[in-house]
Amino acid sequence: MADRLQSKAGTPARRLRALALLAGPAVMAAVWLAPAPAGLAPPAWHLTGLTAWMVIWWIGQAAPLPATALLPIPLMPALGIAPAATVTGQYGTPLIFLFLGGFLIAAAMQAHGLHRRIALAIVAAMGAAPRRILLGFMLATAALSMWISNTASTVMMFAVALPVIDLTGARSDDSAAARRFGVALMLSVAYSASIGGVGTLIGTPGNALLASVLATGYGIELGFGRWMLVGLPVAAVMLAICYLLLTRVLFHFGDLGAAGADAVIAEERRALGPMRRPERRVAAIFALAAAGWMFRGVLGLPLDDAGIAIAAAIAVFVLPAGDGSGARLLDWAHTRTVPWGILLLLGGGLALAAGFDATGLAGWIGGGFSGLAEVPLWLLVLAVSGVTLMITEVTSNTAVTATFLPILGAVATGMGLPVEWLMVPVALASSMAFMMPVATPPNAIVFGYEGLRMGDMIRAGVWLNLIATLVITGAMWLVVRPVLEL
C-alpha cells in the first residue's frame, strides 16, 4: 500500500515538506515585521502569522501533525499572544479527557478482541448474498468507528474482507463482476469508517473539537447524548446513500457465487471461541459508559462526559481480567495503540481558538464579513461544507477543523448568525472526504487492495462528496437546529 501511494509522489512529497518547513516560519517572520492592519492589535496580528505557519506545516506535513500542534506552547507566550499557563491549559480541557477515556476503553476492547467479535456478529447476521455481505461490513465498520478509531476499525475489517473477496472471485465465472464486488466492498469499509465516526463525540477528533470550542468560547454545551441526536441521523442517511450508490449505481456485480462467504465469517467467529470473561467485563464497562454518556442528564449523574470516560478508563486499569492470569483488563503496555497524537492536535486547535477570542482577532474577522448578511444562509452553509470537504481531501481533518472553527465562528458572529450555523458544517464535512487515498487513513488502507484503482475511488468519491455537501446543508435545518433548540 505504501509503495502504491509513494511510488509516483515520493520526491514531490519530500520537496513539498522541505518547502513547507521553510515557508511556515518565513510567513511568521513577514507578519512580525509588517505593521498590523488598522483596528487589529499586534497580538492578534501575530496570531494570524502563527496560524498561517501551522496551516502551512499541516498541509505540507513539514513535521508530524501533533508536533505542529505544539507550536502555540512556545510561540504564543513569546509573541505576546497569551501567557504560557493559559495556552497549556487548552491541552487539558474536559473534552480532551473525554477523548482520552474513550481511547483507553477502545484499547481494552481491542486487547481482548471484543471489537472483532462485535463486527463479525453484525456481518454474520446480514447473510451471504453479495449485497448483504457489503451491507454487513458497512454496518459493522460504522458501528465500530463510533467508539474506536476509524483507522483501527478499517484495518480490522480490511483483514476480514480480503478472504471474502478471494472466495467470491474463486466461485465466480465473471472476473469483471468479481473485481467490482471487491472494489465496492473495500470502498464500503473505508467510507463507512469515516461516516460512522460522525455518530459520537469520540468518533472523530473534529466532533470533540467543535464541542470544546462551542463550550469554552460561546457557552454552548454540546454533550455526548445531544451530539448523537445530530450525528446519528447524518451518519444513517450517508450510510444508506453510500450503500445504494456502491451497489446499485457505480459497481454492478449482480448475483455472484458468494454463498460460501458465510463459511469464511463462520470460521473467523469459530477462531474467536466462546466469549471469555475479560470480554464480558470490558463489554459491561463499555455499556455502562455509553449509557452514562447518553442518559447522564436523565439519571442526574454528578459527572460530566469526561468524568464518565475517565471513570471507565480507571475501571479497566483496576479490575482483574478474571481469566486466572492475575492480569488487569488493561495493562499500560496496551496503551501503545492509543493515538496520543490526536490529543495534542486537539489541544493545538483549542489553543488557536482561545487565542482568536482573547486577542480580538475573532471580532475583527467577523466585522470584515458583516457585509455577507444579505447572502442566503443555505448558500453560506453549502459553501462552508463544500470548501471544508475539498480541503480535507488533501490535509488532516483535525487540522482543517482546528483552523476553520475559530474563523467561521468569528464570521458568524460578524454576520449576526448563531455560531453553530457555520461551525457544525465544518465538523461534519471534515469527516466526509471520500475521493483521494491520502484524504483519510481508511482510504489509504483500502487502497492497498490490488483490485482497487485510483479511478474507482475518485469516481465514487466525487459523487459522495457532492451528496455529503447536500446532506449536511439539509441536516442543519432538519436535525441540527431542532437539537440545539432543545
Protein backbone atom coordinates (compact mmCIF):
# COMPACT_ATOMS: atom_id res chain seq x y z
CA MET A 1 0.00 0.00 0.00
CA ALA A 2 2.72 2.47 0.98
CA ASP A 3 4.56 1.72 -2.26
CA ARG A 4 1.43 2.44 -4.32
CA LEU A 5 0.94 5.78 -2.59
CA GLN A 6 4.57 6.87 -2.71
CA SER A 7 5.96 5.41 -5.94
CA LYS A 8 5.00 8.42 -8.04
CA ALA A 9 4.69 11.01 -5.30
CA GLY A 10 7.71 10.34 -3.10
CA THR A 11 10.04 13.01 -4.46
CA PRO A 12 7.36 15.72 -4.88
CA ALA A 13 6.16 14.98 -1.34
CA ARG A 14 9.67 15.45 0.04
CA ARG A 15 10.03 18.71 -1.87
CA LEU A 16 6.69 19.91 -0.55
CA ARG A 17 7.76 19.10 3.01
CA ALA A 18 11.03 20.98 2.57
CA LEU A 19 9.22 23.97 1.07
CA ALA A 20 6.63 23.99 3.84
CA LEU A 21 9.35 23.70 6.50
CA LEU A 22 10.85 26.99 5.31
CA ALA A 23 7.62 28.72 4.29
CA GLY A 24 5.94 28.42 7.68
CA PRO A 25 8.43 30.43 9.75
CA ALA A 26 9.06 32.74 6.78
CA VAL A 27 5.40 33.75 6.75
CA MET A 28 5.52 34.26 10.51
CA ALA A 29 8.59 36.49 10.16
CA ALA A 30 6.92 38.52 7.43
CA VAL A 31 3.89 39.09 9.66
CA TRP A 32 6.14 40.03 12.58
CA LEU A 33 7.94 42.67 10.51
CA ALA A 34 4.83 44.09 8.84
CA PRO A 35 2.61 46.58 10.69
CA ALA A 36 -0.72 45.28 11.92
CA PRO A 37 -3.79 46.24 9.82
CA ALA A 38 -5.98 49.04 11.07
CA GLY A 39 -8.12 48.01 14.02
CA LEU A 40 -6.08 44.90 14.79
CA ALA A 41 -3.87 44.75 17.88
CA PRO A 42 -0.31 43.39 17.49
CA PRO A 43 -1.04 40.16 19.46
CA ALA A 44 -3.93 39.40 17.12
CA TRP A 45 -1.74 40.13 14.08
CA HIS A 46 0.97 37.83 15.44
CA LEU A 47 -1.65 35.12 15.98
CA THR A 48 -2.55 35.44 12.29
CA GLY A 49 1.07 34.67 11.41
CA LEU A 50 1.22 31.74 13.81
CA THR A 51 -2.00 30.31 12.37
CA ALA A 52 -0.57 30.60 8.85
CA TRP A 53 2.62 28.86 9.99
CA MET A 54 0.67 25.96 11.48
CA VAL A 55 -1.61 25.61 8.45
CA ILE A 56 1.39 25.55 6.09
CA TRP A 57 3.10 22.86 8.16
CA TRP A 58 -0.09 20.85 8.48
CA ILE A 59 -0.79 20.92 4.74
CA GLY A 60 2.83 20.36 3.73
CA GLN A 61 3.43 17.82 6.54
CA ALA A 62 6.71 19.54 7.36
CA ALA A 63 6.56 17.91 10.78
CA PRO A 64 4.28 15.28 12.31
CA LEU A 65 0.83 16.81 12.73
CA PRO A 66 0.84 16.55 16.56
CA ALA A 67 4.28 18.20 16.70
CA THR A 68 2.98 21.16 14.72
CA ALA A 69 0.06 21.38 17.14
CA LEU A 70 2.60 22.08 19.93
CA LEU A 71 3.81 25.34 18.33
CA PRO A 72 1.38 27.52 20.36
CA ILE A 73 3.05 26.49 23.65
CA PRO A 74 6.40 28.25 22.99
CA LEU A 75 5.25 30.81 20.42
CA MET A 76 2.06 32.26 21.85
CA PRO A 77 3.78 33.47 25.04
CA ALA A 78 6.87 34.60 23.07
CA LEU A 79 4.72 36.61 20.66
CA GLY A 80 2.71 38.23 23.44
CA ILE A 81 -0.48 36.43 22.42
CA ALA A 82 -1.27 34.64 25.70
CA PRO A 83 0.52 33.53 28.90
CA ALA A 84 2.02 30.04 28.96
CA ALA A 85 -0.39 28.85 31.67
CA THR A 86 -3.37 29.89 29.57
CA VAL A 87 -2.01 28.20 26.46
CA THR A 88 -1.05 24.92 28.09
CA GLY A 89 -4.43 24.80 29.83
CA GLN A 90 -6.04 24.30 26.42
CA TYR A 91 -4.24 20.95 26.11
CA GLY A 92 -6.06 19.64 29.19
CA THR A 93 -9.70 20.64 28.71
CA PRO A 94 -12.54 18.24 29.66
CA LEU A 95 -13.14 17.27 26.02
CA ILE A 96 -9.56 16.07 25.68
CA PHE A 97 -10.06 13.85 28.73
CA LEU A 98 -13.29 12.58 27.19
CA PHE A 99 -11.26 11.50 24.16
CA LEU A 100 -8.54 10.01 26.37
CA GLY A 101 -11.07 7.94 28.28
CA GLY A 102 -12.67 6.79 25.05
CA PHE A 103 -9.29 5.79 23.65
CA LEU A 104 -8.48 3.72 26.75
CA ILE A 105 -11.84 1.93 26.69
CA ALA A 106 -11.24 1.18 23.00
CA ALA A 107 -7.76 -0.14 23.84
CA ALA A 108 -9.32 -2.57 26.33
CA MET A 109 -11.82 -3.72 23.69
CA GLN A 110 -9.00 -4.32 21.22
CA ALA A 111 -6.77 -6.02 23.79
CA HIS A 112 -9.38 -8.73 24.35
CA GLY A 113 -10.80 -8.94 20.81
CA LEU A 114 -14.25 -7.65 21.77
CA HIS A 115 -14.37 -5.26 18.80
CA ARG A 116 -13.71 -8.13 16.39
CA ARG A 117 -16.43 -10.27 17.94
CA ILE A 118 -18.96 -7.45 17.62
CA ALA A 119 -18.04 -6.79 14.00
CA LEU A 120 -18.19 -10.44 12.94
CA ALA A 121 -21.55 -10.89 14.67
CA ILE A 122 -23.02 -7.99 12.69
CA VAL A 123 -21.62 -9.26 9.39
CA ALA A 124 -22.83 -12.83 10.07
CA ALA A 125 -26.33 -11.59 10.87
CA MET A 126 -26.70 -10.00 7.42
CA GLY A 127 -26.40 -13.20 5.34
CA ALA A 128 -24.17 -14.37 2.47
CA ALA A 129 -25.69 -12.67 -0.60
CA PRO A 130 -23.15 -10.21 -2.07
CA ARG A 131 -25.17 -7.08 -1.33
CA ARG A 132 -25.97 -8.34 2.16
CA ILE A 133 -22.29 -9.04 2.76
CA LEU A 134 -21.44 -5.48 1.77
CA LEU A 135 -24.20 -4.06 3.98
CA GLY A 136 -22.99 -6.15 6.90
CA PHE A 137 -19.45 -4.84 6.51
CA MET A 138 -20.73 -1.27 6.33
CA LEU A 139 -22.85 -1.58 9.46
CA ALA A 140 -20.09 -3.33 11.41
CA THR A 141 -17.41 -0.82 10.39
CA ALA A 142 -19.62 2.18 11.10
CA ALA A 143 -20.65 0.79 14.50
CA LEU A 144 -17.03 0.22 15.49
CA SER A 145 -15.91 3.63 14.23
CA MET A 146 -18.37 5.33 16.56
CA TRP A 147 -16.30 4.09 19.51
CA ILE A 148 -12.80 3.17 18.34
CA SER A 149 -10.54 4.92 15.84
CA ASN A 150 -11.52 4.90 12.19
CA THR A 151 -8.07 3.56 11.36
CA ALA A 152 -8.30 0.61 13.76
CA SER A 153 -11.78 -0.37 12.58
CA THR A 154 -10.69 -0.19 8.93
CA VAL A 155 -7.56 -2.27 9.48
CA MET A 156 -9.61 -4.98 11.18
CA MET A 157 -12.41 -5.07 8.60
CA PHE A 158 -9.89 -4.92 5.74
CA ALA A 159 -8.32 -8.13 7.03
CA VAL A 160 -11.73 -9.84 7.23
CA ALA A 161 -12.81 -8.57 3.79
CA LEU A 162 -9.81 -9.95 1.88
CA PRO A 163 -10.68 -13.68 2.22
CA VAL A 164 -14.34 -12.91 1.44
CA ILE A 165 -13.27 -11.22 -1.81
CA ASP A 166 -10.91 -14.08 -2.66
CA LEU A 167 -13.67 -16.64 -2.13
CA THR A 168 -16.10 -14.65 -4.26
CA GLY A 169 -13.61 -14.41 -7.10
CA ALA A 170 -12.81 -18.13 -6.92
CA ARG A 171 -16.51 -19.09 -7.16
CA SER A 172 -17.43 -16.65 -9.93
CA ASP A 173 -17.08 -17.12 -13.68
CA ASP A 174 -17.33 -13.34 -14.21
CA SER A 175 -13.96 -11.89 -13.24
CA ALA A 176 -15.03 -8.34 -14.02
CA ALA A 177 -18.06 -8.60 -11.74
CA ALA A 178 -15.91 -10.18 -9.03
CA ARG A 179 -13.48 -7.25 -9.25
CA ARG A 180 -16.35 -4.77 -8.99
CA PHE A 181 -17.60 -6.58 -5.90
CA GLY A 182 -14.15 -6.41 -4.32
CA VAL A 183 -13.80 -2.72 -5.11
CA ALA A 184 -17.28 -1.94 -3.75
CA LEU A 185 -16.61 -3.93 -0.57
CA MET A 186 -13.30 -2.21 0.10
CA LEU A 187 -14.70 1.25 -0.57
CA SER A 188 -17.67 0.47 1.65
CA VAL A 189 -15.29 -0.33 4.53
CA ALA A 190 -13.33 2.91 4.13
CA TYR A 191 -16.36 5.12 3.62
CA SER A 192 -18.41 3.64 6.46
CA ALA A 193 -15.46 4.09 8.84
CA SER A 194 -15.43 7.82 8.09
CA ILE A 195 -19.22 8.12 8.16
CA GLY A 196 -19.59 6.12 11.38
CA GLY A 197 -17.16 8.40 13.19
CA VAL A 198 -19.66 11.24 12.81
CA GLY A 199 -22.11 9.47 15.12
CA THR A 200 -20.48 10.18 18.50
CA LEU A 201 -18.32 12.86 20.09
CA ILE A 202 -15.40 10.42 20.40
CA GLY A 203 -15.87 9.01 16.89
CA THR A 204 -13.61 11.61 15.31
CA PRO A 205 -11.49 14.46 16.74
CA GLY A 206 -13.39 17.13 14.82
CA ASN A 207 -16.56 16.42 16.80
CA ALA A 208 -14.83 16.84 20.15
CA LEU A 209 -13.03 19.95 18.94
CA LEU A 210 -16.34 21.50 17.90
CA ALA A 211 -17.93 20.71 21.26
CA SER A 212 -15.00 22.16 23.17
CA VAL A 213 -14.82 25.38 21.13
CA LEU A 214 -18.57 25.89 21.48
CA ALA A 215 -18.39 25.32 25.24
CA THR A 216 -15.32 27.41 26.03
CA GLY A 217 -15.83 30.20 23.51
CA TYR A 218 -19.60 30.57 23.31
CA GLY A 219 -21.08 28.86 26.35
CA ILE A 220 -22.95 26.31 24.23
CA GLU A 221 -22.93 22.82 25.75
CA LEU A 222 -22.95 20.02 23.21
CA GLY A 223 -22.84 16.89 25.34
CA PHE A 224 -22.44 13.28 24.24
CA GLY A 225 -26.14 12.46 24.03
CA ARG A 226 -27.00 15.76 22.37
CA TRP A 227 -24.40 15.25 19.66
CA MET A 228 -25.71 11.75 18.93
CA LEU A 229 -29.07 13.30 18.09
CA VAL A 230 -27.19 15.21 15.38
CA GLY A 231 -24.52 12.74 14.31
CA LEU A 232 -26.53 9.51 14.15
CA PRO A 233 -29.17 10.78 11.67
CA VAL A 234 -26.48 12.25 9.42
CA ALA A 235 -24.46 9.03 9.58
CA ALA A 236 -27.55 6.88 8.90
CA VAL A 237 -28.54 8.89 5.82
CA MET A 238 -24.99 8.89 4.45
CA LEU A 239 -24.60 5.14 5.03
CA ALA A 240 -27.85 4.40 3.19
CA ILE A 241 -26.87 6.63 0.25
CA CYS A 242 -23.35 5.17 0.16
CA TYR A 243 -24.74 1.62 0.08
CA LEU A 244 -27.13 2.38 -2.76
CA LEU A 245 -24.50 4.27 -4.72
CA LEU A 246 -21.91 1.49 -4.47
CA THR A 247 -24.26 -1.43 -5.13
CA ARG A 248 -26.92 -0.02 -7.46
CA VAL A 249 -25.24 2.75 -9.42
CA LEU A 250 -21.45 2.56 -9.65
CA PHE A 251 -20.43 -1.09 -9.25
CA HIS A 252 -22.89 -3.61 -10.66
CA PHE A 253 -21.79 -7.08 -9.60
CA GLY A 254 -25.09 -8.93 -9.80
CA ASP A 255 -25.64 -12.24 -8.02
CA LEU A 256 -22.12 -13.56 -7.61
CA GLY A 257 -21.49 -17.05 -6.32
CA ALA A 258 -20.66 -15.86 -2.82
CA ALA A 259 -22.72 -18.44 -1.00
CA GLY A 260 -19.58 -19.72 0.68
CA ALA A 261 -18.67 -16.34 2.12
CA ASP A 262 -20.66 -17.19 5.21
CA ALA A 263 -18.20 -20.04 5.78
CA VAL A 264 -15.35 -17.52 5.94
CA ILE A 265 -17.20 -15.43 8.51
CA ALA A 266 -18.19 -18.55 10.47
CA GLU A 267 -14.58 -19.71 10.53
CA GLU A 268 -13.45 -16.31 11.79
CA ARG A 269 -16.05 -16.50 14.57
CA ARG A 270 -15.07 -20.06 15.48
CA ALA A 271 -11.47 -18.92 15.79
CA LEU A 272 -12.55 -16.45 18.46
CA GLY A 273 -14.12 -19.23 20.54
CA PRO A 274 -16.80 -18.59 23.17
CA MET A 275 -16.98 -15.17 24.76
CA ARG A 276 -14.44 -15.05 27.58
CA ARG A 277 -14.77 -13.40 30.96
CA PRO A 278 -12.44 -10.46 30.13
CA GLU A 279 -14.55 -9.65 27.09
CA ARG A 280 -17.74 -9.72 29.14
CA ARG A 281 -16.24 -7.39 31.73
CA VAL A 282 -14.99 -4.91 29.13
CA ALA A 283 -18.38 -5.06 27.40
CA ALA A 284 -20.12 -4.26 30.70
CA ILE A 285 -17.85 -1.27 31.37
CA PHE A 286 -18.32 -0.02 27.82
CA ALA A 287 -22.11 -0.38 28.08
CA LEU A 288 -22.20 1.48 31.39
CA ALA A 289 -20.04 4.29 30.00
CA ALA A 290 -22.16 4.61 26.86
CA ALA A 291 -25.35 4.67 28.94
CA GLY A 292 -23.83 7.31 31.19
CA TRP A 293 -22.87 9.49 28.24
CA MET A 294 -26.30 9.27 26.66
CA PHE A 295 -28.50 9.48 29.76
CA ARG A 296 -26.48 11.31 32.41
CA GLY A 297 -28.96 14.21 32.37
CA VAL A 298 -31.94 11.93 32.87
CA LEU A 299 -30.11 9.93 35.54
CA GLY A 300 -28.88 13.04 37.32
CA LEU A 301 -25.27 11.82 37.40
CA PRO A 302 -22.86 14.18 39.20
CA LEU A 303 -20.26 13.61 36.42
CA ASP A 304 -19.82 15.22 33.04
CA ASP A 305 -18.93 13.24 29.91
CA ALA A 306 -15.20 13.49 30.61
CA GLY A 307 -15.66 12.26 34.18
CA ILE A 308 -17.61 9.22 32.98
CA ALA A 309 -14.94 8.44 30.39
CA ILE A 310 -12.09 8.64 32.88
CA ALA A 311 -14.02 6.62 35.48
CA ALA A 312 -14.48 3.86 32.89
CA ALA A 313 -10.80 4.08 31.93
CA ILE A 314 -9.75 3.72 35.58
CA ALA A 315 -12.07 0.71 35.87
CA VAL A 316 -10.36 -1.18 33.02
CA PHE A 317 -6.97 -0.48 34.60
CA VAL A 318 -8.09 -1.63 38.06
CA LEU A 319 -10.50 -4.55 37.54
CA PRO A 320 -8.97 -8.01 37.09
CA ALA A 321 -9.40 -9.76 33.76
CA GLY A 322 -10.84 -12.77 35.57
CA ASP A 323 -9.09 -15.31 33.37
CA GLY A 324 -6.85 -16.74 36.07
CA SER A 325 -3.74 -14.91 34.87
CA GLY A 326 -3.85 -12.23 37.55
CA ALA A 327 -3.73 -9.54 34.87
CA ARG A 328 -5.96 -6.48 34.76
CA LEU A 329 -8.39 -5.75 31.94
CA LEU A 330 -5.91 -3.20 30.59
CA ASP A 331 -2.19 -3.01 31.24
CA TRP A 332 -0.13 0.05 30.45
CA ALA A 333 1.65 -1.85 27.69
CA HIS A 334 -1.64 -1.95 25.77
CA THR A 335 -1.77 1.85 25.64
CA ARG A 336 0.84 1.91 22.90
CA THR A 337 -2.11 1.61 20.50
CA VAL A 338 -3.71 4.78 21.88
CA PRO A 339 -3.42 7.65 19.35
CA TRP A 340 -1.85 10.10 21.78
CA GLY A 341 -1.06 12.50 18.94
CA ILE A 342 -4.75 13.19 18.42
CA LEU A 343 -4.90 14.67 21.93
CA LEU A 344 -2.11 17.08 21.03
CA LEU A 345 -3.85 18.00 17.79
CA LEU A 346 -6.99 18.81 19.73
CA GLY A 347 -5.02 20.90 22.21
CA GLY A 348 -3.34 22.88 19.44
CA GLY A 349 -6.68 23.59 17.82
CA LEU A 350 -8.18 24.73 21.10
CA ALA A 351 -5.18 26.97 21.79
CA LEU A 352 -5.69 28.69 18.44
CA ALA A 353 -9.42 29.07 19.07
CA ALA A 354 -8.83 30.59 22.51
CA GLY A 355 -6.28 32.98 21.05
CA PHE A 356 -8.72 34.13 18.37
CA ASP A 357 -11.18 35.13 21.07
CA ALA A 358 -8.73 36.60 23.61
CA THR A 359 -6.81 38.82 21.16
CA GLY A 360 -9.85 40.21 19.39
CA LEU A 361 -8.91 38.54 16.11
CA ALA A 362 -12.26 36.76 16.00
CA GLY A 363 -14.18 40.01 16.30
CA TRP A 364 -12.00 41.71 13.67
CA ILE A 365 -12.56 38.89 11.18
CA GLY A 366 -16.27 38.90 11.94
CA GLY A 367 -16.53 42.59 11.29
CA GLY A 368 -14.95 42.14 7.89
CA PHE A 369 -17.68 39.69 6.90
CA SER A 370 -20.62 41.70 8.16
CA GLY A 371 -21.50 42.57 4.57
CA LEU A 372 -22.37 38.93 3.89
CA ALA A 373 -25.51 39.24 5.96
CA GLU A 374 -27.54 39.53 2.77
CA VAL A 375 -26.25 36.22 1.37
CA PRO A 376 -28.82 33.40 1.74
CA LEU A 377 -28.00 31.24 4.75
CA TRP A 378 -28.42 28.00 2.80
CA LEU A 379 -25.79 29.18 0.31
CA LEU A 380 -23.33 30.00 3.09
CA VAL A 381 -23.81 26.60 4.72
CA LEU A 382 -23.43 24.88 1.35
CA ALA A 383 -20.23 26.82 0.61
CA VAL A 384 -18.72 26.15 4.03
CA SER A 385 -19.48 22.43 3.75
CA GLY A 386 -18.12 22.15 0.22
CA VAL A 387 -14.91 24.11 0.84
CA THR A 388 -14.17 22.24 4.08
CA LEU A 389 -14.76 18.90 2.40
CA MET A 390 -12.47 19.64 -0.55
CA ILE A 391 -9.65 20.93 1.65
CA THR A 392 -9.95 17.83 3.82
CA GLU A 393 -9.15 15.76 0.73
CA VAL A 394 -5.53 16.94 0.93
CA THR A 395 -4.88 17.53 4.63
CA SER A 396 -5.79 16.32 8.11
CA ASN A 397 -9.44 16.66 9.04
CA THR A 398 -8.45 17.66 12.58
CA ALA A 399 -6.11 20.35 11.26
CA VAL A 400 -8.83 21.69 8.98
CA THR A 401 -11.34 21.76 11.81
CA ALA A 402 -8.89 23.41 14.20
CA THR A 403 -8.17 26.14 11.65
CA PHE A 404 -11.68 26.78 10.39
CA LEU A 405 -13.73 26.69 13.62
CA PRO A 406 -12.47 29.94 15.18
CA ILE A 407 -12.53 31.73 11.83
CA LEU A 408 -16.07 30.74 10.95
CA GLY A 409 -17.25 31.35 14.48
CA ALA A 410 -16.00 34.91 14.05
CA VAL A 411 -17.64 35.19 10.64
CA ALA A 412 -20.97 34.01 12.03
CA THR A 413 -20.76 36.49 14.88
CA GLY A 414 -19.97 39.33 12.48
CA MET A 415 -22.98 38.41 10.38
CA GLY A 416 -25.26 38.20 13.39
CA LEU A 417 -25.76 34.44 12.99
CA PRO A 418 -25.72 31.78 15.72
CA VAL A 419 -22.17 30.43 15.51
CA GLU A 420 -23.30 26.82 15.17
CA TRP A 421 -24.72 27.53 11.70
CA LEU A 422 -21.22 27.80 10.26
CA MET A 423 -19.24 25.73 12.77
CA VAL A 424 -21.24 22.48 12.80
CA PRO A 425 -20.93 22.08 8.99
CA VAL A 426 -17.15 22.27 9.36
CA ALA A 427 -17.06 19.40 11.86
CA LEU A 428 -19.41 17.26 9.78
CA ALA A 429 -17.76 17.95 6.43
CA SER A 430 -14.25 17.31 7.75
CA SER A 431 -15.21 13.63 8.17
CA MET A 432 -16.60 13.23 4.65
CA ALA A 433 -13.50 13.00 2.45
CA PHE A 434 -14.08 10.08 0.08
CA MET A 435 -12.20 10.90 -3.10
CA MET A 436 -8.42 10.53 -2.53
CA PRO A 437 -6.31 7.80 -0.89
CA VAL A 438 -4.39 10.47 1.04
CA ALA A 439 -7.56 12.10 2.38
CA THR A 440 -8.03 9.75 5.35
CA PRO A 441 -6.26 6.70 6.82
CA PRO A 442 -9.27 4.47 5.94
CA ASN A 443 -8.99 5.47 2.27
CA ALA A 444 -5.26 4.79 2.29
CA ILE A 445 -5.70 1.39 3.94
CA VAL A 446 -8.23 0.01 1.45
CA PHE A 447 -6.17 1.40 -1.43
CA GLY A 448 -3.78 -1.40 -0.56
CA TYR A 449 -6.24 -3.81 -2.19
CA GLU A 450 -4.71 -4.56 -5.59
CA GLY A 451 -8.04 -4.60 -7.42
CA LEU A 452 -8.83 -1.03 -6.40
CA ARG A 453 -7.76 1.64 -8.89
CA MET A 454 -7.41 5.35 -8.31
CA GLY A 455 -10.21 5.99 -10.79
CA ASP A 456 -12.59 3.79 -8.77
CA MET A 457 -12.07 5.81 -5.63
CA ILE A 458 -12.26 9.16 -7.40
CA ARG A 459 -15.44 8.21 -9.27
CA ALA A 460 -17.22 7.08 -6.11
CA GLY A 461 -15.71 9.87 -4.02
CA VAL A 462 -16.85 12.70 -6.28
CA TRP A 463 -20.45 11.55 -6.01
CA LEU A 464 -20.29 11.05 -2.26
CA ASN A 465 -18.58 14.40 -1.71
CA LEU A 466 -21.35 16.19 -3.58
CA ILE A 467 -24.05 14.23 -1.77
CA ALA A 468 -22.42 14.83 1.62
CA THR A 469 -22.43 18.58 0.98
CA LEU A 470 -26.16 18.48 0.29
CA VAL A 471 -26.90 16.18 3.23
CA ILE A 472 -25.01 18.42 5.66
CA THR A 473 -26.79 21.50 4.35
CA GLY A 474 -30.20 19.86 4.75
CA ALA A 475 -29.28 18.47 8.17
CA MET A 476 -28.67 21.97 9.50
CA TRP A 477 -32.38 22.73 9.17
CA LEU A 478 -33.87 19.29 9.72
CA VAL A 479 -31.67 17.99 12.53
CA VAL A 480 -29.15 20.45 13.96
CA ARG A 481 -31.46 23.39 14.59
CA PRO A 482 -34.13 21.34 16.40
CA VAL A 483 -31.49 19.61 18.55
CA LEU A 484 -29.72 22.82 19.54
CA GLU A 485 -33.04 24.40 20.42
CA LEU A 486 -33.80 21.62 22.93
